């Protein structure tokens, strides 16, 4: 798996996940449970991971929908 996106904004993560699923690109959110350690204030970013062979296509989907990757 390769990191595609890192964000503290849950709406961006949900939108990016929906876009990727719409393109049949499997993705996985990591660090979702960090909110337990941080007290739910959202300071630790979540990471959106995709398969390495899907990474280039996933980046294209993000660019096409103006989701910043870095």
C-alpha atoms as a PDB file:
ATOM      1  CA  UNK A   1       0.000   0.000   0.000  1.00  0.00           C
ATOM      2  CA  UNK A   2       1.151   3.517  -0.755  1.00  0.00           C
ATOM      3  CA  UNK A   3       0.074   6.776   0.853  1.00  0.00           C
ATOM      4  CA  UNK A   4      -2.092   8.944  -1.377  1.00  0.00           C
ATOM      5  CA  UNK A   5      -3.407  11.614   0.955  1.00  0.00           C
ATOM      6  CA  UNK A   6      -2.849  12.888   4.494  1.00  0.00           C
ATOM      7  CA  UNK A   7      -5.357  15.213   6.147  1.00  0.00           C
ATOM      8  CA  UNK A   8      -6.896  16.203   9.458  1.00  0.00           C
ATOM      9  CA  UNK A   9     -10.162  17.119   7.693  1.00  0.00           C
ATOM     10  CA  UNK A  10     -12.602  14.190   7.870  1.00  0.00           C
ATOM     11  CA  UNK A  11     -14.761  15.655   5.088  1.00  0.00           C
ATOM     12  CA  UNK A  12     -11.855  15.592   2.627  1.00  0.00           C
ATOM     13  CA  UNK A  13     -11.085  12.013   3.605  1.00  0.00           C
ATOM     14  CA  UNK A  14     -14.720  10.962   3.130  1.00  0.00           C
ATOM     15  CA  UNK A  15     -14.959  12.746  -0.241  1.00  0.00           C
ATOM     16  CA  UNK A  16     -11.674  11.262  -1.477  1.00  0.00           C
ATOM     17  CA  UNK A  17     -12.751   7.787  -0.366  1.00  0.00           C
ATOM     18  CA  UNK A  18     -16.093   8.134  -2.179  1.00  0.00           C
ATOM     19  CA  UNK A  19     -14.358   9.320  -5.363  1.00  0.00           C
ATOM     20  CA  UNK A  20     -11.916   6.409  -5.324  1.00  0.00           C
ATOM     21  CA  UNK A  21     -14.650   3.869  -4.652  1.00  0.00           C
ATOM     22  CA  UNK A  22     -16.596   5.354  -7.577  1.00  0.00           C
ATOM     23  CA  UNK A  23     -13.587   4.605  -9.793  1.00  0.00           C
ATOM     24  CA  UNK A  24     -13.276   1.046  -8.370  1.00  0.00           C
ATOM     25  CA  UNK A  25      -9.982   1.892  -6.655  1.00  0.00           C
ATOM     26  CA  UNK A  26      -9.609   0.167  -3.297  1.00  0.00           C
ATOM     27  CA  UNK A  27      -8.461   2.426  -0.482  1.00  0.00           C
ATOM     28  CA  UNK A  28      -7.911   2.193   3.250  1.00  0.00           C
ATOM     29  CA  UNK A  29      -7.843   4.926   5.901  1.00  0.00           C
ATOM     30  CA  UNK A  30      -5.091   4.603   8.473  1.00  0.00           C
ATOM     31  CA  UNK A  31      -4.769   6.360  11.839  1.00  0.00           C
ATOM     32  CA  UNK A  32      -8.550   6.647  12.236  1.00  0.00           C
ATOM     33  CA  UNK A  33      -8.401   5.506  15.853  1.00  0.00           C
ATOM     34  CA  UNK A  34      -5.801   8.106  16.820  1.00  0.00           C
ATOM     35  CA  UNK A  35      -8.712  10.286  18.010  1.00  0.00           C
ATOM     36  CA  UNK A  36      -8.843   8.098  21.120  1.00  0.00           C
ATOM     37  CA  UNK A  37      -5.298   9.153  22.014  1.00  0.00           C
ATOM     38  CA  UNK A  38      -5.711  12.817  21.082  1.00  0.00           C
ATOM     39  CA  UNK A  39      -9.056  13.301  22.817  1.00  0.00           C
ATOM     40  CA  UNK A  40     -11.015  13.874  19.594  1.00  0.00           C
ATOM     41  CA  UNK A  41      -9.538  17.298  18.756  1.00  0.00           C
ATOM     42  CA  UNK A  42      -8.247  16.273  15.316  1.00  0.00           C
ATOM     43  CA  UNK A  43      -4.557  17.146  15.519  1.00  0.00           C
ATOM     44  CA  UNK A  44      -3.224  13.879  14.112  1.00  0.00           C
ATOM     45  CA  UNK A  45      -3.740  13.498  10.363  1.00  0.00           C
ATOM     46  CA  UNK A  46      -5.331  10.429   8.836  1.00  0.00           C
ATOM     47  CA  UNK A  47      -3.699   8.721   5.876  1.00  0.00           C
ATOM     48  CA  UNK A  48      -5.488   7.376   2.837  1.00  0.00           C
ATOM     49  CA  UNK A  49      -3.692   4.404   1.348  1.00  0.00           C
ATOM     50  CA  UNK A  50      -4.119   2.761  -2.066  1.00  0.00           C
ATOM     51  CA  UNK A  51      -2.469  -0.196  -3.776  1.00  0.00           C
ATOM     52  CA  UNK A  52       0.804   0.735  -5.419  1.00  0.00           C
ATOM     53  CA  UNK A  53      -0.476  -0.242  -8.859  1.00  0.00           C
ATOM     54  CA  UNK A  54      -3.502   2.073  -8.402  1.00  0.00           C
ATOM     55  CA  UNK A  55      -1.530   5.058  -7.087  1.00  0.00           C
ATOM     56  CA  UNK A  56      -1.100   6.945 -10.390  1.00  0.00           C
ATOM     57  CA  UNK A  57      -4.790   6.587 -11.259  1.00  0.00           C
ATOM     58  CA  UNK A  58      -5.790   7.632  -7.736  1.00  0.00           C
ATOM     59  CA  UNK A  59      -3.602  10.756  -7.991  1.00  0.00           C
ATOM     60  CA  UNK A  60      -5.336  11.637 -11.258  1.00  0.00           C
ATOM     61  CA  UNK A  61      -8.753  11.323  -9.592  1.00  0.00           C
ATOM     62  CA  UNK A  62      -7.617  13.626  -6.771  1.00  0.00           C
ATOM     63  CA  UNK A  63      -6.207  16.224  -9.193  1.00  0.00           C
ATOM     64  CA  UNK A  64      -9.348  16.138 -11.340  1.00  0.00           C
ATOM     65  CA  UNK A  65     -11.421  16.940  -8.256  1.00  0.00           C
ATOM     66  CA  UNK A  66      -9.000  19.581  -6.917  1.00  0.00           C
ATOM     67  CA  UNK A  67      -8.080  17.668  -3.757  1.00  0.00           C
ATOM     68  CA  UNK A  68      -4.577  18.750  -2.684  1.00  0.00           C
ATOM     69  CA  UNK A  69      -2.200  15.835  -2.170  1.00  0.00           C
ATOM     70  CA  UNK A  70       0.618  17.607  -0.346  1.00  0.00           C
END
